[in-house]
């Protein structure tokens, strides 16, 4: 062929495979804490933000780009496992804020360490310059994908 550019479909397949590998790796790491990958991500987000502002289900939906039923299930599981609880918002009684319980707070350092180790493992075969360039390119691709997603949402009347 001689053309070293990948057809778009092959690139998408590689991105999909990369996503699957990362989720599997994160699930392995999070299983030590009785969490799935996404449960760990949501718990880390709550732990990172709850002291400075109220976090509710809509925040989780927005940050992680997940649907309401998916986020409800994640929050239900975290609550059942006694990592978080829902508490009436002090600012708006229509909402429930998400706050960590002692069991969730006790995991904070281990969750951050696990996330750092996973990221280091992911870029271990890259030079620092390659890792920085990879991060830059990922942000461009993510921004493009999210802009397209936002436009589709506006176009279908579900905004």
N, C-alpha and C. Protein backbone atom coordinates (compact mmCIF):
# COMPACT_ATOMS: atom_id res chain seq x y z
N UNK A 1 0.81 -1.20 0.00
CA UNK A 1 0.00 0.00 0.00
C UNK A 1 0.86 1.26 0.00
N UNK A 2 1.85 1.35 0.88
CA UNK A 2 2.73 2.48 0.93
C UNK A 2 2.17 3.69 1.67
N UNK A 3 0.91 3.71 1.97
CA UNK A 3 0.29 4.82 2.68
C UNK A 3 0.31 4.51 4.17
N UNK A 4 1.02 5.34 4.95
CA UNK A 4 1.12 5.05 6.37
C UNK A 4 0.02 5.71 7.21
N UNK A 5 -0.95 6.33 6.55
CA UNK A 5 -2.10 6.88 7.28
C UNK A 5 -3.14 5.78 7.46
N UNK A 6 -3.68 5.70 8.65
CA UNK A 6 -4.71 4.71 8.92
C UNK A 6 -6.06 5.19 8.40
N UNK A 7 -6.81 4.31 7.76
CA UNK A 7 -8.19 4.68 7.44
C UNK A 7 -8.93 4.97 8.75
N UNK A 8 -9.88 5.88 8.75
CA UNK A 8 -10.57 6.24 10.00
C UNK A 8 -11.15 5.04 10.76
N UNK A 9 -11.67 4.06 10.05
CA UNK A 9 -12.27 2.93 10.75
C UNK A 9 -11.23 2.14 11.54
N UNK A 10 -10.02 2.06 11.03
CA UNK A 10 -8.97 1.34 11.76
C UNK A 10 -8.53 2.13 12.98
N UNK A 11 -8.50 3.44 12.87
CA UNK A 11 -8.16 4.27 14.02
C UNK A 11 -9.22 4.12 15.11
N UNK A 12 -10.47 4.15 14.73
CA UNK A 12 -11.57 4.01 15.69
C UNK A 12 -11.49 2.66 16.39
N UNK A 13 -11.16 1.62 15.66
CA UNK A 13 -11.02 0.29 16.26
C UNK A 13 -9.91 0.31 17.31
N UNK A 14 -8.83 0.99 17.01
CA UNK A 14 -7.72 1.05 17.98
C UNK A 14 -8.11 1.86 19.21
N UNK A 15 -8.84 2.93 19.01
CA UNK A 15 -9.32 3.72 20.16
C UNK A 15 -10.26 2.87 21.00
N UNK A 16 -11.13 2.12 20.36
CA UNK A 16 -12.06 1.24 21.06
C UNK A 16 -11.30 0.17 21.86
N UNK A 17 -10.29 -0.42 21.23
CA UNK A 17 -9.47 -1.44 21.92
C UNK A 17 -8.73 -0.82 23.10
N UNK A 18 -8.21 0.38 22.91
CA UNK A 18 -7.51 1.08 23.99
C UNK A 18 -8.47 1.33 25.16
N UNK A 19 -9.65 1.81 24.86
CA UNK A 19 -10.65 2.04 25.90
C UNK A 19 -10.94 0.75 26.66
N UNK A 20 -11.17 -0.33 25.93
CA UNK A 20 -11.47 -1.61 26.59
C UNK A 20 -10.32 -2.06 27.49
N UNK A 21 -9.09 -1.92 27.01
CA UNK A 21 -7.92 -2.32 27.80
C UNK A 21 -7.82 -1.47 29.06
N UNK A 22 -8.07 -0.18 28.94
CA UNK A 22 -8.00 0.70 30.11
C UNK A 22 -9.07 0.37 31.13
N UNK A 23 -10.29 0.13 30.66
CA UNK A 23 -11.38 -0.22 31.58
C UNK A 23 -11.07 -1.54 32.30
N UNK A 24 -10.55 -2.52 31.56
CA UNK A 24 -10.18 -3.80 32.19
C UNK A 24 -9.10 -3.59 33.25
N UNK A 25 -8.09 -2.80 32.90
CA UNK A 25 -7.00 -2.53 33.85
C UNK A 25 -7.55 -1.83 35.10
N UNK A 26 -8.40 -0.82 34.90
CA UNK A 26 -8.97 -0.09 36.03
C UNK A 26 -9.87 -0.99 36.86
N UNK A 27 -10.65 -1.85 36.20
CA UNK A 27 -11.50 -2.78 36.96
C UNK A 27 -10.66 -3.71 37.84
N UNK A 28 -9.52 -4.16 37.30
CA UNK A 28 -8.63 -5.01 38.12
C UNK A 28 -8.13 -4.24 39.34
N UNK A 29 -7.71 -3.01 39.13
CA UNK A 29 -7.22 -2.18 40.25
C UNK A 29 -8.33 -1.90 41.25
N UNK A 30 -9.50 -1.54 40.76
CA UNK A 30 -10.61 -1.15 41.64
C UNK A 30 -11.23 -2.34 42.37
N UNK A 31 -11.07 -3.55 41.82
CA UNK A 31 -11.66 -4.72 42.48
C UNK A 31 -11.08 -4.92 43.88
N UNK A 32 -9.86 -4.45 44.11
CA UNK A 32 -9.25 -4.54 45.44
C UNK A 32 -10.05 -3.73 46.47
N UNK A 33 -10.81 -2.75 45.99
CA UNK A 33 -11.61 -1.89 46.87
C UNK A 33 -13.10 -2.21 46.79
N UNK A 34 -13.45 -3.31 46.12
CA UNK A 34 -14.85 -3.70 45.90
C UNK A 34 -15.59 -2.65 45.08
N UNK A 35 -14.89 -2.11 44.08
CA UNK A 35 -15.47 -1.10 43.20
C UNK A 35 -15.23 -1.49 41.74
N UNK A 36 -16.11 -1.01 40.87
CA UNK A 36 -15.84 -1.10 39.44
C UNK A 36 -15.06 0.15 39.05
N UNK A 37 -14.57 0.17 37.84
CA UNK A 37 -13.81 1.30 37.33
C UNK A 37 -14.60 2.60 37.47
N UNK A 38 -15.82 2.61 36.97
CA UNK A 38 -16.62 3.84 36.99
C UNK A 38 -17.03 4.21 38.41
N UNK A 39 -17.30 3.24 39.25
CA UNK A 39 -17.62 3.55 40.65
C UNK A 39 -16.42 4.23 41.32
N UNK A 40 -15.22 3.73 41.04
CA UNK A 40 -14.01 4.34 41.59
C UNK A 40 -13.83 5.76 41.08
N UNK A 41 -14.08 5.98 39.78
CA UNK A 41 -13.95 7.32 39.21
C UNK A 41 -14.93 8.29 39.86
N UNK A 42 -16.17 7.85 40.01
CA UNK A 42 -17.19 8.71 40.61
C UNK A 42 -16.85 8.99 42.07
N UNK A 43 -16.45 7.98 42.80
CA UNK A 43 -16.08 8.18 44.20
C UNK A 43 -14.91 9.15 44.31
N UNK A 44 -13.90 9.01 43.45
CA UNK A 44 -12.76 9.92 43.48
C UNK A 44 -13.21 11.35 43.16
N UNK A 45 -14.12 11.51 42.23
CA UNK A 45 -14.64 12.84 41.90
C UNK A 45 -15.35 13.45 43.11
N UNK A 46 -16.19 12.66 43.77
CA UNK A 46 -16.90 13.15 44.96
C UNK A 46 -15.89 13.53 46.05
N UNK A 47 -14.92 12.65 46.30
CA UNK A 47 -13.91 12.93 47.32
C UNK A 47 -13.11 14.19 46.99
N UNK A 48 -12.89 14.44 45.73
CA UNK A 48 -12.09 15.59 45.31
C UNK A 48 -12.86 16.91 45.44
N UNK A 49 -14.18 16.87 45.35
CA UNK A 49 -14.96 18.10 45.24
C UNK A 49 -15.87 18.43 46.43
N UNK A 50 -16.27 17.45 47.20
CA UNK A 50 -17.36 17.66 48.15
C UNK A 50 -17.06 18.69 49.24
N UNK A 51 -15.80 18.93 49.55
CA UNK A 51 -15.48 19.89 50.61
C UNK A 51 -15.62 21.34 50.15
N UNK A 52 -15.56 21.56 48.85
CA UNK A 52 -15.63 22.94 48.34
C UNK A 52 -16.97 23.30 47.72
N UNK A 53 -17.76 22.29 47.37
CA UNK A 53 -19.08 22.57 46.79
C UNK A 53 -19.94 21.32 46.87
N UNK A 54 -21.24 21.52 46.72
CA UNK A 54 -22.16 20.39 46.72
C UNK A 54 -22.05 19.65 45.39
N UNK A 55 -22.04 18.33 45.49
CA UNK A 55 -22.01 17.47 44.30
C UNK A 55 -23.34 16.73 44.28
N UNK A 56 -24.02 16.74 43.12
CA UNK A 56 -25.25 15.97 42.99
C UNK A 56 -25.19 15.10 41.75
N UNK A 57 -26.25 14.37 41.52
CA UNK A 57 -26.29 13.43 40.41
C UNK A 57 -26.11 14.12 39.06
N UNK A 58 -26.67 15.31 38.92
CA UNK A 58 -26.53 16.03 37.65
C UNK A 58 -25.07 16.38 37.36
N UNK A 59 -24.30 16.68 38.41
CA UNK A 59 -22.88 16.95 38.22
C UNK A 59 -22.18 15.71 37.67
N UNK A 60 -22.51 14.56 38.23
CA UNK A 60 -21.88 13.31 37.78
C UNK A 60 -22.24 13.04 36.32
N UNK A 61 -23.52 13.23 35.97
CA UNK A 61 -23.95 13.03 34.59
C UNK A 61 -23.16 13.94 33.65
N UNK A 62 -23.00 15.19 34.02
CA UNK A 62 -22.32 16.16 33.17
C UNK A 62 -20.83 15.86 33.04
N UNK A 63 -20.16 15.62 34.14
CA UNK A 63 -18.71 15.40 34.13
C UNK A 63 -18.34 14.12 33.39
N UNK A 64 -19.09 13.05 33.63
CA UNK A 64 -18.75 11.76 33.04
C UNK A 64 -19.50 11.46 31.75
N UNK A 65 -20.37 12.38 31.34
CA UNK A 65 -21.14 12.21 30.09
C UNK A 65 -21.93 10.89 30.10
N UNK A 66 -22.64 10.66 31.22
CA UNK A 66 -23.42 9.44 31.38
C UNK A 66 -24.90 9.80 31.50
N UNK A 67 -25.76 8.82 31.22
CA UNK A 67 -27.20 9.04 31.30
C UNK A 67 -27.67 8.99 32.75
N UNK A 68 -28.84 9.54 32.98
CA UNK A 68 -29.44 9.54 34.32
C UNK A 68 -29.56 8.12 34.89
N UNK A 69 -30.12 7.16 34.14
CA UNK A 69 -30.25 5.81 34.72
C UNK A 69 -28.89 5.18 35.07
N UNK A 70 -27.88 5.42 34.24
CA UNK A 70 -26.55 4.88 34.52
C UNK A 70 -25.99 5.47 35.80
N UNK A 71 -26.09 6.78 35.94
CA UNK A 71 -25.58 7.45 37.14
C UNK A 71 -26.36 7.02 38.37
N UNK A 72 -27.67 6.87 38.24
CA UNK A 72 -28.48 6.40 39.37
C UNK A 72 -27.98 5.05 39.86
N UNK A 73 -27.70 4.15 38.92
CA UNK A 73 -27.20 2.83 39.29
C UNK A 73 -25.85 2.89 39.98
N UNK A 74 -24.96 3.73 39.48
CA UNK A 74 -23.63 3.87 40.09
C UNK A 74 -23.76 4.40 41.51
N UNK A 75 -24.57 5.44 41.67
CA UNK A 75 -24.76 6.03 43.00
C UNK A 75 -25.44 5.05 43.94
N UNK A 76 -26.44 4.32 43.44
CA UNK A 76 -27.09 3.29 44.26
C UNK A 76 -26.08 2.27 44.77
N UNK A 77 -25.20 1.79 43.88
CA UNK A 77 -24.19 0.79 44.30
C UNK A 77 -23.22 1.37 45.33
N UNK A 78 -22.77 2.61 45.10
CA UNK A 78 -21.85 3.24 46.05
C UNK A 78 -22.52 3.42 47.41
N UNK A 79 -23.81 3.71 47.39
CA UNK A 79 -24.55 3.88 48.64
C UNK A 79 -24.75 2.52 49.33
N UNK A 80 -25.10 1.50 48.56
CA UNK A 80 -25.27 0.15 49.12
C UNK A 80 -23.99 -0.36 49.76
N UNK A 81 -22.85 -0.01 49.16
CA UNK A 81 -21.55 -0.45 49.67
C UNK A 81 -21.04 0.46 50.80
N UNK A 82 -21.85 1.46 51.14
CA UNK A 82 -21.56 2.39 52.23
C UNK A 82 -20.31 3.25 52.00
N UNK A 83 -20.08 3.63 50.73
CA UNK A 83 -19.00 4.55 50.40
C UNK A 83 -19.49 6.00 50.42
N UNK A 84 -20.76 6.20 50.07
CA UNK A 84 -21.35 7.54 50.03
C UNK A 84 -22.75 7.50 50.58
N UNK A 85 -23.33 8.69 50.77
CA UNK A 85 -24.76 8.78 51.09
C UNK A 85 -25.33 10.00 50.38
N UNK A 86 -26.63 9.94 50.18
CA UNK A 86 -27.35 11.08 49.61
C UNK A 86 -27.91 11.89 50.78
N UNK A 87 -27.70 13.20 50.72
CA UNK A 87 -28.16 14.10 51.77
C UNK A 87 -28.87 15.27 51.10
N UNK A 88 -29.97 15.70 51.70
CA UNK A 88 -30.71 16.83 51.12
C UNK A 88 -29.79 18.03 50.96
N UNK A 89 -29.88 18.65 49.80
CA UNK A 89 -29.06 19.83 49.51
C UNK A 89 -29.44 20.97 50.45
N UNK A 90 -28.44 21.69 50.90
CA UNK A 90 -28.68 22.87 51.73
C UNK A 90 -29.07 24.07 50.87
N UNK A 91 -28.74 24.01 49.57
CA UNK A 91 -29.00 25.12 48.66
C UNK A 91 -30.32 24.98 47.91
N UNK A 92 -30.71 23.74 47.61
CA UNK A 92 -31.90 23.50 46.79
C UNK A 92 -32.50 22.17 47.21
N UNK A 93 -33.64 22.21 47.88
CA UNK A 93 -34.26 21.02 48.45
C UNK A 93 -34.67 19.99 47.39
N UNK A 94 -34.68 20.38 46.12
CA UNK A 94 -35.03 19.42 45.06
C UNK A 94 -33.92 18.42 44.81
N UNK A 95 -32.71 18.76 45.25
CA UNK A 95 -31.55 17.92 44.96
C UNK A 95 -31.03 17.22 46.21
N UNK A 96 -30.36 16.12 45.95
CA UNK A 96 -29.64 15.41 47.01
C UNK A 96 -28.16 15.54 46.70
N UNK A 97 -27.41 16.01 47.67
CA UNK A 97 -25.96 16.08 47.47
C UNK A 97 -25.35 14.74 47.81
N UNK A 98 -24.22 14.47 47.22
CA UNK A 98 -23.52 13.21 47.42
C UNK A 98 -22.31 13.49 48.31
N UNK A 99 -22.26 12.79 49.44
CA UNK A 99 -21.16 12.99 50.37
C UNK A 99 -20.55 11.63 50.73
N UNK A 100 -19.24 11.60 50.87
CA UNK A 100 -18.60 10.33 51.23
C UNK A 100 -18.85 9.98 52.69
N UNK A 101 -18.97 8.70 52.94
CA UNK A 101 -19.02 8.18 54.31
C UNK A 101 -17.60 7.86 54.74
N UNK A 102 -17.36 7.60 56.02
CA UNK A 102 -16.00 7.29 56.47
C UNK A 102 -15.33 6.18 55.67
N UNK A 103 -16.09 5.16 55.27
CA UNK A 103 -15.52 4.07 54.47
C UNK A 103 -14.99 4.59 53.13
N UNK A 104 -15.71 5.51 52.52
CA UNK A 104 -15.26 6.11 51.26
C UNK A 104 -14.06 7.02 51.47
N UNK A 105 -14.12 7.84 52.51
CA UNK A 105 -13.00 8.75 52.80
C UNK A 105 -11.72 7.97 53.11
N UNK A 106 -11.87 6.82 53.76
CA UNK A 106 -10.70 6.02 54.12
C UNK A 106 -9.97 5.50 52.88
N UNK A 107 -10.66 5.42 51.76
CA UNK A 107 -10.04 4.92 50.53
C UNK A 107 -9.34 5.99 49.71
N UNK A 108 -9.50 7.24 50.07
CA UNK A 108 -9.02 8.33 49.22
C UNK A 108 -7.56 8.15 48.80
N UNK A 109 -6.66 7.99 49.73
CA UNK A 109 -5.23 7.88 49.40
C UNK A 109 -4.96 6.67 48.52
N UNK A 110 -5.59 5.54 48.82
CA UNK A 110 -5.39 4.33 48.01
C UNK A 110 -5.93 4.52 46.59
N UNK A 111 -7.05 5.21 46.46
CA UNK A 111 -7.62 5.46 45.13
C UNK A 111 -6.71 6.37 44.31
N UNK A 112 -6.18 7.44 44.93
CA UNK A 112 -5.28 8.35 44.20
C UNK A 112 -4.02 7.59 43.78
N UNK A 113 -3.46 6.79 44.70
CA UNK A 113 -2.25 6.02 44.39
C UNK A 113 -2.51 5.07 43.23
N UNK A 114 -3.62 4.36 43.29
CA UNK A 114 -3.97 3.41 42.23
C UNK A 114 -4.13 4.12 40.90
N UNK A 115 -4.75 5.28 40.90
CA UNK A 115 -4.94 6.05 39.66
C UNK A 115 -3.59 6.51 39.10
N UNK A 116 -2.70 7.00 39.98
CA UNK A 116 -1.37 7.41 39.53
C UNK A 116 -0.60 6.24 38.94
N UNK A 117 -0.65 5.09 39.61
CA UNK A 117 0.08 3.91 39.13
C UNK A 117 -0.47 3.45 37.78
N UNK A 118 -1.78 3.48 37.62
CA UNK A 118 -2.39 3.07 36.35
C UNK A 118 -1.96 4.00 35.22
N UNK A 119 -1.93 5.29 35.51
CA UNK A 119 -1.52 6.25 34.48
C UNK A 119 -0.04 6.07 34.14
N UNK A 120 0.79 5.89 35.14
CA UNK A 120 2.22 5.67 34.90
C UNK A 120 2.44 4.41 34.07
N UNK A 121 1.69 3.37 34.38
CA UNK A 121 1.82 2.12 33.62
C UNK A 121 1.43 2.35 32.16
N UNK A 122 0.41 3.13 31.94
CA UNK A 122 -0.11 3.37 30.61
C UNK A 122 0.91 4.05 29.71
N UNK A 123 1.70 4.96 30.26
CA UNK A 123 2.66 5.71 29.44
C UNK A 123 4.11 5.26 29.66
N UNK A 124 4.29 4.12 30.28
CA UNK A 124 5.65 3.69 30.65
C UNK A 124 6.57 3.48 29.44
N UNK A 125 6.03 3.18 28.29
CA UNK A 125 6.85 2.97 27.10
C UNK A 125 6.97 4.23 26.24
N UNK A 126 6.54 5.37 26.79
CA UNK A 126 6.63 6.65 26.08
C UNK A 126 7.69 7.52 26.76
N UNK A 127 8.33 8.35 25.97
CA UNK A 127 9.20 9.37 26.55
C UNK A 127 8.29 10.43 27.18
N UNK A 128 8.84 11.26 28.06
CA UNK A 128 8.01 12.34 28.60
C UNK A 128 7.42 13.23 27.51
N UNK A 129 8.19 13.46 26.46
CA UNK A 129 7.69 14.28 25.35
C UNK A 129 6.54 13.57 24.63
N UNK A 130 6.69 12.26 24.41
CA UNK A 130 5.62 11.49 23.76
C UNK A 130 4.36 11.47 24.62
N UNK A 131 4.54 11.30 25.92
CA UNK A 131 3.39 11.29 26.82
C UNK A 131 2.67 12.64 26.80
N UNK A 132 3.43 13.74 26.78
CA UNK A 132 2.83 15.07 26.71
C UNK A 132 2.11 15.28 25.38
N UNK A 133 2.71 14.83 24.30
CA UNK A 133 2.09 14.95 22.98
C UNK A 133 0.82 14.09 22.89
N UNK A 134 0.89 12.90 23.44
CA UNK A 134 -0.27 12.01 23.47
C UNK A 134 -1.42 12.68 24.23
N UNK A 135 -1.11 13.28 25.38
CA UNK A 135 -2.12 13.99 26.18
C UNK A 135 -2.71 15.13 25.36
N UNK A 136 -1.87 15.89 24.69
CA UNK A 136 -2.34 17.01 23.88
C UNK A 136 -3.28 16.55 22.77
N UNK A 137 -2.89 15.49 22.07
CA UNK A 137 -3.70 14.97 20.98
C UNK A 137 -5.02 14.38 21.49
N UNK A 138 -4.96 13.71 22.62
CA UNK A 138 -6.19 13.17 23.22
C UNK A 138 -7.17 14.31 23.55
N UNK A 139 -6.66 15.40 24.07
CA UNK A 139 -7.54 16.52 24.42
C UNK A 139 -8.19 17.11 23.17
N UNK A 140 -7.44 17.18 22.07
CA UNK A 140 -8.02 17.67 20.82
C UNK A 140 -9.13 16.73 20.35
N UNK A 141 -8.84 15.43 20.35
CA UNK A 141 -9.84 14.45 19.89
C UNK A 141 -11.07 14.46 20.80
N UNK A 142 -10.85 14.54 22.11
CA UNK A 142 -11.96 14.57 23.05
C UNK A 142 -12.82 15.81 22.86
N UNK A 143 -12.17 16.94 22.70
CA UNK A 143 -12.91 18.19 22.48
C UNK A 143 -13.76 18.09 21.21
N UNK A 144 -13.18 17.56 20.15
CA UNK A 144 -13.91 17.41 18.89
C UNK A 144 -15.11 16.48 19.07
N UNK A 145 -14.89 15.34 19.72
CA UNK A 145 -15.97 14.38 19.93
C UNK A 145 -17.08 14.98 20.79
N UNK A 146 -16.70 15.70 21.84
CA UNK A 146 -17.71 16.28 22.73
C UNK A 146 -18.46 17.43 22.07
N UNK A 147 -17.78 18.20 21.23
CA UNK A 147 -18.47 19.26 20.48
C UNK A 147 -19.52 18.66 19.56
N UNK A 148 -19.15 17.56 18.89
CA UNK A 148 -20.09 16.88 18.00
C UNK A 148 -21.26 16.33 18.79
N UNK A 149 -20.97 15.75 19.96
CA UNK A 149 -22.02 15.20 20.82
C UNK A 149 -22.96 16.30 21.28
N UNK A 150 -22.40 17.46 21.67
CA UNK A 150 -23.22 18.59 22.10
C UNK A 150 -24.11 19.07 20.97
N UNK A 151 -23.58 19.13 19.74
CA UNK A 151 -24.38 19.57 18.60
C UNK A 151 -25.52 18.59 18.33
N UNK A 152 -25.24 17.28 18.44
CA UNK A 152 -26.29 16.28 18.23
C UNK A 152 -27.37 16.40 19.28
N UNK A 153 -26.99 16.65 20.52
CA UNK A 153 -27.95 16.80 21.61
C UNK A 153 -28.84 18.00 21.37
N UNK A 154 -28.26 19.11 20.92
CA UNK A 154 -29.04 20.31 20.64
C UNK A 154 -30.00 20.06 19.49
N UNK A 155 -29.55 19.29 18.50
CA UNK A 155 -30.36 19.04 17.31
C UNK A 155 -31.52 18.11 17.54
N UNK A 156 -31.42 17.23 18.56
CA UNK A 156 -32.52 16.27 18.75
C UNK A 156 -33.53 16.73 19.79
N UNK A 157 -33.36 17.94 20.31
CA UNK A 157 -34.35 18.49 21.22
C UNK A 157 -34.24 17.95 22.64
N UNK A 158 -33.19 17.18 22.96
CA UNK A 158 -33.10 16.60 24.29
C UNK A 158 -32.30 17.46 25.26
N UNK A 159 -31.91 18.65 24.83
CA UNK A 159 -31.12 19.53 25.69
C UNK A 159 -31.96 20.21 26.74
